[in-house]
Amino acid sequence: MSAVVKWWSRAAAAVTGLVLTLVIPVHAWAASNGVADVAVEAAKYRRRRGGFGFFPIFGGLCCLLVVAAIVLAIVLISRGRRKKQ
């Protein structure tokens, strides 16, 4: 049980670090550049198109690729640790 807890705590720390590393600077930049106002205006006055369009599909595919890369990295790291012991 302690191995699972150890692995889970390391994974949680890595994900937390990654999120904080990416989200905080992007949020600070967006708040200081007036990007928030542009995003609100774009959301209000965007054109209505039929269907899903290209970007939601691309965004979903990109999200799946990122999740797959993270899972692959965790699997490779855990395999490397087992071989050393």
C-alpha atoms as a PDB file:
ATOM      1  CA  MET A   1       0.000   0.000   0.000  1.00  0.00           C
ATOM      2  CA  SER A   2       2.829   2.415   0.708  1.00  0.00           C
ATOM      3  CA  ALA A   3       4.117   2.033  -2.862  1.00  0.00           C
ATOM      4  CA  VAL A   4       0.758   3.155  -4.218  1.00  0.00           C
ATOM      5  CA  VAL A   5       0.649   6.102  -1.847  1.00  0.00           C
ATOM      6  CA  LYS A   6       4.215   7.050  -2.769  1.00  0.00           C
ATOM      7  CA  TRP A   7       3.448   6.857  -6.502  1.00  0.00           C
ATOM      8  CA  TRP A   8       0.219   8.807  -6.094  1.00  0.00           C
ATOM      9  CA  SER A   9       1.887  11.569  -4.108  1.00  0.00           C
ATOM     10  CA  ARG A  10       4.663  11.909  -6.692  1.00  0.00           C
ATOM     11  CA  ALA A  11       2.154  12.032  -9.557  1.00  0.00           C
ATOM     12  CA  ALA A  12       0.037  14.604  -7.731  1.00  0.00           C
ATOM     13  CA  ALA A  13       3.099  16.750  -7.024  1.00  0.00           C
ATOM     14  CA  ALA A  14       4.182  16.575 -10.669  1.00  0.00           C
ATOM     15  CA  VAL A  15       0.733  17.520 -11.965  1.00  0.00           C
ATOM     16  CA  THR A  16       0.406  20.332  -9.437  1.00  0.00           C
ATOM     17  CA  GLY A  17       3.812  21.697 -10.375  1.00  0.00           C
ATOM     18  CA  LEU A  18       2.996  21.530 -14.067  1.00  0.00           C
ATOM     19  CA  VAL A  19      -0.333  23.280 -13.622  1.00  0.00           C
ATOM     20  CA  LEU A  20       1.155  26.022 -11.468  1.00  0.00           C
ATOM     21  CA  THR A  21       4.068  26.474 -13.856  1.00  0.00           C
ATOM     22  CA  LEU A  22       1.754  26.965 -16.813  1.00  0.00           C
ATOM     23  CA  VAL A  23      -1.388  28.570 -15.423  1.00  0.00           C
ATOM     24  CA  ILE A  24      -0.037  31.311 -13.165  1.00  0.00           C
ATOM     25  CA  PRO A  25       2.187  33.095 -15.741  1.00  0.00           C
ATOM     26  CA  VAL A  26      -0.472  32.798 -18.453  1.00  0.00           C
ATOM     27  CA  HIS A  27      -3.110  34.202 -16.128  1.00  0.00           C
ATOM     28  CA  ALA A  28      -0.855  37.093 -15.103  1.00  0.00           C
ATOM     29  CA  TRP A  29      -0.066  37.880 -18.740  1.00  0.00           C
ATOM     30  CA  ALA A  30      -3.703  37.761 -19.792  1.00  0.00           C
ATOM     31  CA  ALA A  31      -4.789  39.982 -16.907  1.00  0.00           C
ATOM     32  CA  SER A  32      -2.180  42.634 -17.683  1.00  0.00           C
ATOM     33  CA  ASN A  33      -2.560  42.739 -21.488  1.00  0.00           C
ATOM     34  CA  GLY A  34      -6.261  43.439 -21.822  1.00  0.00           C
ATOM     35  CA  VAL A  35      -6.739  40.011 -23.380  1.00  0.00           C
ATOM     36  CA  ALA A  36      -9.642  39.352 -21.024  1.00  0.00           C
ATOM     37  CA  ASP A  37     -11.600  42.255 -22.550  1.00  0.00           C
ATOM     38  CA  VAL A  38     -10.903  41.004 -26.065  1.00  0.00           C
ATOM     39  CA  ALA A  39     -12.001  37.493 -25.109  1.00  0.00           C
ATOM     40  CA  VAL A  40     -15.265  38.793 -23.618  1.00  0.00           C
ATOM     41  CA  GLU A  41     -15.983  40.857 -26.719  1.00  0.00           C
ATOM     42  CA  ALA A  42     -15.186  37.917 -28.987  1.00  0.00           C
ATOM     43  CA  ALA A  43     -17.521  35.685 -26.988  1.00  0.00           C
ATOM     44  CA  LYS A  44     -20.329  38.249 -27.214  1.00  0.00           C
ATOM     45  CA  TYR A  45     -20.081  38.999 -30.898  1.00  0.00           C
ATOM     46  CA  ARG A  46     -18.870  35.747 -32.448  1.00  0.00           C
ATOM     47  CA  ARG A  47     -20.564  34.498 -35.548  1.00  0.00           C
ATOM     48  CA  ARG A  48     -22.904  31.577 -35.163  1.00  0.00           C
ATOM     49  CA  ARG A  49     -21.879  28.710 -37.424  1.00  0.00           C
ATOM     50  CA  GLY A  50     -23.567  25.415 -37.993  1.00  0.00           C
ATOM     51  CA  GLY A  51     -21.848  22.223 -36.873  1.00  0.00           C
ATOM     52  CA  PHE A  52     -18.827  21.873 -34.699  1.00  0.00           C
ATOM     53  CA  GLY A  53     -16.236  23.352 -37.010  1.00  0.00           C
ATOM     54  CA  PHE A  54     -12.551  22.521 -37.144  1.00  0.00           C
ATOM     55  CA  PHE A  55     -11.245  23.995 -33.908  1.00  0.00           C
ATOM     56  CA  PRO A  56     -13.233  21.975 -31.345  1.00  0.00           C
ATOM     57  CA  ILE A  57     -12.153  18.755 -33.052  1.00  0.00           C
ATOM     58  CA  PHE A  58      -8.546  19.955 -33.137  1.00  0.00           C
ATOM     59  CA  GLY A  59      -8.737  21.003 -29.483  1.00  0.00           C
ATOM     60  CA  GLY A  60     -10.113  17.639 -28.419  1.00  0.00           C
ATOM     61  CA  LEU A  61      -7.451  15.792 -30.399  1.00  0.00           C
ATOM     62  CA  CYS A  62      -4.729  17.972 -28.903  1.00  0.00           C
ATOM     63  CA  CYS A  63      -6.055  17.322 -25.401  1.00  0.00           C
ATOM     64  CA  LEU A  64      -6.052  13.567 -25.993  1.00  0.00           C
ATOM     65  CA  LEU A  65      -2.483  13.712 -27.301  1.00  0.00           C
ATOM     66  CA  VAL A  66      -1.303  15.635 -24.236  1.00  0.00           C
ATOM     67  CA  VAL A  67      -2.999  13.194 -21.862  1.00  0.00           C
ATOM     68  CA  ALA A  68      -1.487  10.249 -23.775  1.00  0.00           C
ATOM     69  CA  ALA A  69       1.983  11.822 -23.578  1.00  0.00           C
ATOM     70  CA  ILE A  70       1.656  12.321 -19.810  1.00  0.00           C
ATOM     71  CA  VAL A  71       0.487   8.736 -19.288  1.00  0.00           C
ATOM     72  CA  LEU A  72       3.321   7.440 -21.492  1.00  0.00           C
ATOM     73  CA  ALA A  73       5.888   9.453 -19.529  1.00  0.00           C
ATOM     74  CA  ILE A  74       4.577   8.110 -16.214  1.00  0.00           C
ATOM     75  CA  VAL A  75       4.653   4.527 -17.513  1.00  0.00           C
ATOM     76  CA  LEU A  76       8.199   4.882 -18.843  1.00  0.00           C
ATOM     77  CA  ILE A  77       9.429   6.465 -15.626  1.00  0.00           C
ATOM     78  CA  SER A  78       7.828   3.769 -13.490  1.00  0.00           C
ATOM     79  CA  ARG A  79       9.327   1.014 -15.672  1.00  0.00           C
ATOM     80  CA  GLY A  80      12.763   2.599 -15.416  1.00  0.00           C
ATOM     81  CA  ARG A  81      12.525   2.671 -11.620  1.00  0.00           C
ATOM     82  CA  ARG A  82      11.566  -1.001 -11.441  1.00  0.00           C
ATOM     83  CA  LYS A  83      14.539  -2.111 -13.535  1.00  0.00           C
ATOM     84  CA  LYS A  84      17.055  -0.286 -11.323  1.00  0.00           C
ATOM     85  CA  GLN A  85      15.905  -1.953  -8.102  1.00  0.00           C
END
